[in-house]
Amino acid sequence: MLALVPTPIGVGPHYHPPPAVHAPCAAGPLRGAARVHLEVFANRRVVIVPAAIGLRGARFDAGRVTSAACRARLWTTDPSGVVSFSARVRLGDLFTVWGEPFGPKRLLSFHGAVSLFRNGIRTRGDPTLLALRAGDELVLEIGGFVPPHRSYRFPP
């Protein structure tokens, strides 16, 4: 059995990127969509995946989005790393909606080789092309190794 390794959250704006929506936005429910859990690590530090990626006019209660004027095809409602999606999408689509750089050698403001793990297993190839599947645990790493989780227990 693997032990959980506490990993500190990185300090500064590179580890706390703001949410944004750089995609078409339409009215739709925030709950009931397919979801993946995304963890991002840079230099062995946690990078926060913020609430309100892909949402315009988000309204918050205790750090969680309770409603929004509209949503893109991928969105987040809290900073837990849970990403909801309503269509067939790829991991690169999330970063396009977010307006953040992402590719085999770039992850947000960090440069270097990007590693991708799906459900604890290393995935080779261009990480932007990974098709999202409901229930997956995805881990992106750059600048060091953090043992990836194999699964995530989604809240109801």
Foldseek 3Di string as FASTA:
>chain_A
DDDDDDFAQDDDCQQEPDAAFDADWDDDDPPDAFKEAEWEEEQRHTRWPAAFHQFAQFDDDPQFTPDGPTGDQWGGGHRRRIIGGHDWAAPLVSCNRRVADDWQQDDGPDGGGKWKDKLQHTDDDIRRGHTDDGQIYMYIYYNDDDRGHRGDDDDD
